[in-house]
Amino acid sequence: MATRQNSTNGKPKSPRIQVVLPELICEQLTILAENESRTVSNMAKVLIQNGIKNYFEKETKSLTSDTKINTDNFRDKLERQSIKRLKGAPQRIRYSKKTDNK
């Protein structure tokens, strides 16, 4: 779990995490940060935010597409069924009258 520290004025700081990166990724992160005039820490934050956003968008699209596939399969099965005609005219539904037994 991320640790939360207090600043000198007593207000809580944002949570902090530590990450161990391979040299190559650390160098690439540094280059990206320099290109965008950011600190390495801020660049890491931005990339993590974008990654999380993309992850949840992909998950949402996946759930939506699964529902669409299920609906399409259901529709295809219904359309492949043979048409069956009812025998005779439809009958009228008769409702019984309520009687008050006093």
N, C-alpha and C. Protein backbone atom coordinates (compact mmCIF):
# COMPACT_ATOMS: atom_id res chain seq x y z
N MET A 1 0.84 -1.17 0.00
CA MET A 1 0.00 0.00 0.00
C MET A 1 0.89 1.24 0.00
N ALA A 2 0.44 2.26 -0.69
CA ALA A 2 1.22 3.50 -0.76
C ALA A 2 1.28 4.16 0.61
N THR A 3 2.42 4.75 0.92
CA THR A 3 2.57 5.42 2.21
C THR A 3 2.15 6.88 2.08
N ARG A 4 1.54 7.40 3.11
CA ARG A 4 1.11 8.79 3.11
C ARG A 4 1.87 9.52 4.22
N GLN A 5 2.49 10.62 3.85
CA GLN A 5 3.25 11.41 4.81
C GLN A 5 2.54 12.73 5.05
N ASN A 6 2.93 13.40 6.12
CA ASN A 6 2.39 14.73 6.40
C ASN A 6 3.44 15.77 6.07
N SER A 7 2.98 16.89 5.53
CA SER A 7 3.91 17.99 5.25
C SER A 7 4.19 18.74 6.54
N THR A 8 5.06 19.72 6.47
CA THR A 8 5.44 20.48 7.67
C THR A 8 4.27 21.26 8.25
N ASN A 9 3.28 21.60 7.41
CA ASN A 9 2.12 22.34 7.93
C ASN A 9 1.02 21.40 8.44
N GLY A 10 1.26 20.10 8.41
CA GLY A 10 0.31 19.13 8.95
C GLY A 10 -0.66 18.53 7.94
N LYS A 11 -0.71 19.10 6.74
CA LYS A 11 -1.61 18.56 5.72
C LYS A 11 -1.01 17.28 5.13
N PRO A 12 -1.84 16.29 4.82
CA PRO A 12 -1.30 15.05 4.25
C PRO A 12 -0.79 15.26 2.82
N LYS A 13 0.34 14.63 2.53
CA LYS A 13 0.89 14.66 1.18
C LYS A 13 0.21 13.57 0.36
N SER A 14 0.37 13.65 -0.95
CA SER A 14 -0.13 12.60 -1.82
C SER A 14 0.60 11.30 -1.51
N PRO A 15 -0.05 10.14 -1.72
CA PRO A 15 0.61 8.86 -1.45
C PRO A 15 1.86 8.69 -2.30
N ARG A 16 2.85 8.01 -1.76
CA ARG A 16 4.12 7.76 -2.44
C ARG A 16 4.30 6.27 -2.66
N ILE A 17 4.90 5.92 -3.78
CA ILE A 17 5.26 4.52 -4.03
C ILE A 17 6.70 4.47 -4.50
N GLN A 18 7.31 3.31 -4.36
CA GLN A 18 8.66 3.09 -4.88
C GLN A 18 8.59 2.03 -5.96
N VAL A 19 9.30 2.25 -7.04
CA VAL A 19 9.33 1.30 -8.14
C VAL A 19 10.77 1.04 -8.52
N VAL A 20 11.10 -0.22 -8.74
CA VAL A 20 12.44 -0.58 -9.21
C VAL A 20 12.35 -0.82 -10.71
N LEU A 21 13.15 -0.07 -11.47
CA LEU A 21 13.12 -0.15 -12.93
C LEU A 21 14.43 -0.69 -13.47
N PRO A 22 14.38 -1.43 -14.56
CA PRO A 22 15.61 -1.81 -15.25
C PRO A 22 16.28 -0.56 -15.82
N GLU A 23 17.59 -0.62 -15.99
CA GLU A 23 18.35 0.53 -16.49
C GLU A 23 17.76 1.12 -17.77
N LEU A 24 17.45 0.26 -18.72
CA LEU A 24 16.97 0.73 -20.02
C LEU A 24 15.68 1.53 -19.87
N ILE A 25 14.75 1.04 -19.09
CA ILE A 25 13.49 1.75 -18.90
C ILE A 25 13.72 3.07 -18.17
N CYS A 26 14.62 3.07 -17.22
CA CYS A 26 14.93 4.30 -16.50
C CYS A 26 15.54 5.35 -17.44
N GLU A 27 16.40 4.91 -18.33
CA GLU A 27 17.00 5.83 -19.31
C GLU A 27 15.93 6.38 -20.26
N GLN A 28 15.04 5.49 -20.71
CA GLN A 28 13.98 5.91 -21.62
C GLN A 28 13.04 6.90 -20.92
N LEU A 29 12.73 6.64 -19.67
CA LEU A 29 11.88 7.53 -18.89
C LEU A 29 12.54 8.90 -18.73
N THR A 30 13.84 8.90 -18.50
CA THR A 30 14.58 10.16 -18.36
C THR A 30 14.54 10.95 -19.66
N ILE A 31 14.71 10.27 -20.78
CA ILE A 31 14.68 10.94 -22.09
C ILE A 31 13.30 11.54 -22.35
N LEU A 32 12.25 10.76 -22.07
CA LEU A 32 10.89 11.27 -22.25
C LEU A 32 10.64 12.51 -21.38
N ALA A 33 11.10 12.44 -20.14
CA ALA A 33 10.91 13.56 -19.21
C ALA A 33 11.63 14.81 -19.73
N GLU A 34 12.84 14.65 -20.22
CA GLU A 34 13.58 15.79 -20.74
C GLU A 34 12.89 16.38 -21.97
N ASN A 35 12.37 15.50 -22.84
CA ASN A 35 11.68 15.96 -24.06
C ASN A 35 10.43 16.78 -23.73
N GLU A 36 9.79 16.47 -22.63
CA GLU A 36 8.55 17.18 -22.25
C GLU A 36 8.77 18.19 -21.13
N SER A 37 10.02 18.44 -20.80
CA SER A 37 10.38 19.40 -19.74
C SER A 37 9.67 19.07 -18.42
N ARG A 38 9.73 17.81 -18.05
CA ARG A 38 9.14 17.34 -16.80
C ARG A 38 10.22 16.70 -15.94
N THR A 39 9.87 16.50 -14.67
CA THR A 39 10.76 15.70 -13.84
C THR A 39 10.52 14.24 -14.18
N VAL A 40 11.48 13.41 -13.85
CA VAL A 40 11.34 11.97 -14.11
C VAL A 40 10.13 11.43 -13.33
N SER A 41 9.99 11.89 -12.10
CA SER A 41 8.89 11.46 -11.26
C SER A 41 7.55 11.86 -11.86
N ASN A 42 7.43 13.08 -12.35
CA ASN A 42 6.19 13.55 -12.95
C ASN A 42 5.89 12.80 -14.24
N MET A 43 6.93 12.51 -15.02
CA MET A 43 6.74 11.77 -16.27
C MET A 43 6.23 10.37 -15.97
N ALA A 44 6.77 9.75 -14.94
CA ALA A 44 6.31 8.42 -14.54
C ALA A 44 4.83 8.48 -14.14
N LYS A 45 4.45 9.52 -13.41
CA LYS A 45 3.06 9.70 -12.99
C LYS A 45 2.14 9.80 -14.20
N VAL A 46 2.53 10.62 -15.18
CA VAL A 46 1.72 10.82 -16.39
C VAL A 46 1.57 9.50 -17.15
N LEU A 47 2.67 8.76 -17.29
CA LEU A 47 2.61 7.50 -18.03
C LEU A 47 1.75 6.46 -17.30
N ILE A 48 1.83 6.43 -15.99
CA ILE A 48 1.01 5.51 -15.20
C ILE A 48 -0.47 5.88 -15.35
N GLN A 49 -0.78 7.18 -15.27
CA GLN A 49 -2.17 7.61 -15.43
C GLN A 49 -2.72 7.21 -16.79
N ASN A 50 -1.93 7.43 -17.85
CA ASN A 50 -2.37 7.07 -19.20
C ASN A 50 -2.55 5.56 -19.34
N GLY A 51 -1.63 4.81 -18.76
CA GLY A 51 -1.73 3.35 -18.82
C GLY A 51 -2.97 2.83 -18.12
N ILE A 52 -3.28 3.38 -16.96
CA ILE A 52 -4.48 2.96 -16.22
C ILE A 52 -5.74 3.34 -16.99
N LYS A 53 -5.77 4.54 -17.54
CA LYS A 53 -6.92 5.00 -18.32
C LYS A 53 -7.15 4.07 -19.52
N ASN A 54 -6.08 3.76 -20.26
CA ASN A 54 -6.19 2.87 -21.42
C ASN A 54 -6.64 1.47 -21.01
N TYR A 55 -6.14 1.00 -19.88
CA TYR A 55 -6.51 -0.33 -19.39
C TYR A 55 -8.02 -0.42 -19.15
N PHE A 56 -8.57 0.58 -18.43
CA PHE A 56 -9.99 0.54 -18.10
C PHE A 56 -10.86 0.78 -19.34
N GLU A 57 -10.39 1.59 -20.27
CA GLU A 57 -11.14 1.77 -21.52
C GLU A 57 -11.19 0.47 -22.30
N LYS A 58 -10.08 -0.25 -22.33
CA LYS A 58 -10.03 -1.54 -23.03
C LYS A 58 -10.96 -2.55 -22.36
N GLU A 59 -10.96 -2.58 -21.03
CA GLU A 59 -11.85 -3.48 -20.29
C GLU A 59 -13.31 -3.18 -20.59
N THR A 60 -13.66 -1.90 -20.61
CA THR A 60 -15.04 -1.49 -20.88
C THR A 60 -15.45 -1.90 -22.29
N LYS A 61 -14.56 -1.67 -23.25
CA LYS A 61 -14.85 -2.06 -24.63
C LYS A 61 -15.00 -3.57 -24.74
N SER A 62 -14.20 -4.31 -24.01
CA SER A 62 -14.27 -5.77 -24.03
C SER A 62 -15.61 -6.25 -23.51
N LEU A 63 -16.07 -5.66 -22.39
CA LEU A 63 -17.37 -6.05 -21.84
C LEU A 63 -18.49 -5.70 -22.81
N THR A 64 -18.40 -4.54 -23.45
CA THR A 64 -19.41 -4.11 -24.40
C THR A 64 -19.43 -5.03 -25.61
N SER A 65 -18.26 -5.40 -26.11
CA SER A 65 -18.20 -6.26 -27.30
C SER A 65 -18.69 -7.66 -26.97
N ASP A 66 -18.44 -8.16 -25.74
CA ASP A 66 -18.95 -9.48 -25.34
C ASP A 66 -20.47 -9.48 -25.36
N THR A 67 -21.08 -8.41 -24.87
CA THR A 67 -22.54 -8.31 -24.85
C THR A 67 -23.07 -8.27 -26.27
N LYS A 68 -22.37 -7.53 -27.15
CA LYS A 68 -22.80 -7.43 -28.54
C LYS A 68 -22.70 -8.79 -29.22
N ILE A 69 -21.64 -9.54 -28.95
CA ILE A 69 -21.46 -10.86 -29.54
C ILE A 69 -22.58 -11.79 -29.07
N ASN A 70 -22.89 -11.76 -27.76
CA ASN A 70 -23.96 -12.60 -27.23
C ASN A 70 -25.29 -12.26 -27.87
N THR A 71 -25.56 -10.97 -28.05
CA THR A 71 -26.81 -10.53 -28.67
C THR A 71 -26.86 -10.99 -30.12
N ASP A 72 -25.75 -10.84 -30.83
CA ASP A 72 -25.71 -11.26 -32.23
C ASP A 72 -25.92 -12.77 -32.36
N ASN A 73 -25.31 -13.56 -31.47
CA ASN A 73 -25.49 -15.02 -31.51
C ASN A 73 -26.95 -15.39 -31.26
N PHE A 74 -27.56 -14.74 -30.27
CA PHE A 74 -28.96 -15.00 -29.96
C PHE A 74 -29.85 -14.68 -31.15
N ARG A 75 -29.61 -13.54 -31.78
CA ARG A 75 -30.40 -13.12 -32.94
C ARG A 75 -30.22 -14.12 -34.09
N ASP A 76 -28.99 -14.56 -34.33
CA ASP A 76 -28.74 -15.52 -35.41
C ASP A 76 -29.48 -16.83 -35.17
N LYS A 77 -29.48 -17.31 -33.93
CA LYS A 77 -30.19 -18.56 -33.62
C LYS A 77 -31.68 -18.40 -33.85
N LEU A 78 -32.23 -17.27 -33.45
CA LEU A 78 -33.66 -17.04 -33.67
C LEU A 78 -33.99 -16.99 -35.16
N GLU A 79 -33.13 -16.34 -35.93
CA GLU A 79 -33.40 -16.22 -37.37
C GLU A 79 -33.27 -17.55 -38.09
N ARG A 80 -32.47 -18.48 -37.58
CA ARG A 80 -32.29 -19.79 -38.21
C ARG A 80 -33.43 -20.76 -37.89
N GLN A 81 -34.22 -20.44 -36.87
CA GLN A 81 -35.32 -21.34 -36.50
C GLN A 81 -36.36 -21.37 -37.61
N SER A 82 -36.98 -22.55 -37.78
CA SER A 82 -38.02 -22.64 -38.79
C SER A 82 -39.28 -21.96 -38.26
N ILE A 83 -40.08 -21.48 -39.20
CA ILE A 83 -41.30 -20.78 -38.84
C ILE A 83 -42.38 -21.82 -38.60
N LYS A 84 -43.03 -21.73 -37.49
CA LYS A 84 -44.11 -22.66 -37.15
C LYS A 84 -45.41 -21.87 -37.10
N ARG A 85 -46.41 -22.37 -37.83
CA ARG A 85 -47.70 -21.71 -37.86
C ARG A 85 -48.58 -22.26 -36.74
N LEU A 86 -49.37 -21.39 -36.16
CA LEU A 86 -50.31 -21.82 -35.14
C LEU A 86 -51.50 -22.48 -35.82
N LYS A 87 -52.06 -23.50 -35.18
CA LYS A 87 -53.23 -24.17 -35.74
C LYS A 87 -54.49 -23.47 -35.24
N GLY A 88 -55.33 -23.09 -36.14
CA GLY A 88 -56.59 -22.47 -35.76
C GLY A 88 -56.43 -21.00 -35.41
N ALA A 89 -57.57 -20.39 -35.23
CA ALA A 89 -57.58 -18.97 -34.88
C ALA A 89 -57.22 -18.81 -33.40
N PRO A 90 -56.64 -17.69 -33.06
CA PRO A 90 -56.32 -17.48 -31.66
C PRO A 90 -57.60 -17.39 -30.84
N GLN A 91 -57.55 -17.93 -29.66
CA GLN A 91 -58.73 -17.92 -28.80
C GLN A 91 -58.72 -16.69 -27.91
N ARG A 92 -59.94 -16.25 -27.61
CA ARG A 92 -60.08 -15.09 -26.74
C ARG A 92 -59.85 -15.52 -25.30
N ILE A 93 -59.13 -14.70 -24.60
CA ILE A 93 -58.89 -14.98 -23.19
C ILE A 93 -60.11 -14.54 -22.41
N ARG A 94 -60.62 -15.41 -21.57
CA ARG A 94 -61.80 -15.07 -20.78
C ARG A 94 -61.37 -14.86 -19.34
N TYR A 95 -61.78 -13.76 -18.83
CA TYR A 95 -61.50 -13.45 -17.44
C TYR A 95 -62.74 -13.77 -16.62
N SER A 96 -62.54 -14.40 -15.50
CA SER A 96 -63.70 -14.70 -14.65
C SER A 96 -64.11 -13.46 -13.89
N LYS A 97 -65.42 -13.32 -13.72
CA LYS A 97 -65.94 -12.17 -12.99
C LYS A 97 -65.84 -12.45 -11.51
N LYS A 98 -65.47 -11.45 -10.76
CA LYS A 98 -65.43 -11.59 -9.32
C LYS A 98 -66.86 -11.47 -8.79
N THR A 99 -67.17 -12.35 -7.92
CA THR A 99 -68.49 -12.27 -7.30
C THR A 99 -68.31 -12.00 -5.82
N ASP A 100 -69.15 -11.17 -5.30
CA ASP A 100 -69.09 -10.85 -3.88
C ASP A 100 -70.00 -11.80 -3.13
N ASN A 101 -69.44 -12.62 -2.31
CA ASN A 101 -70.22 -13.53 -1.49
C ASN A 101 -70.48 -12.88 -0.17
N LYS A 102 -71.73 -12.49 0.06
CA LYS A 102 -72.05 -11.82 1.32
C LYS A 102 -72.76 -12.75 2.25
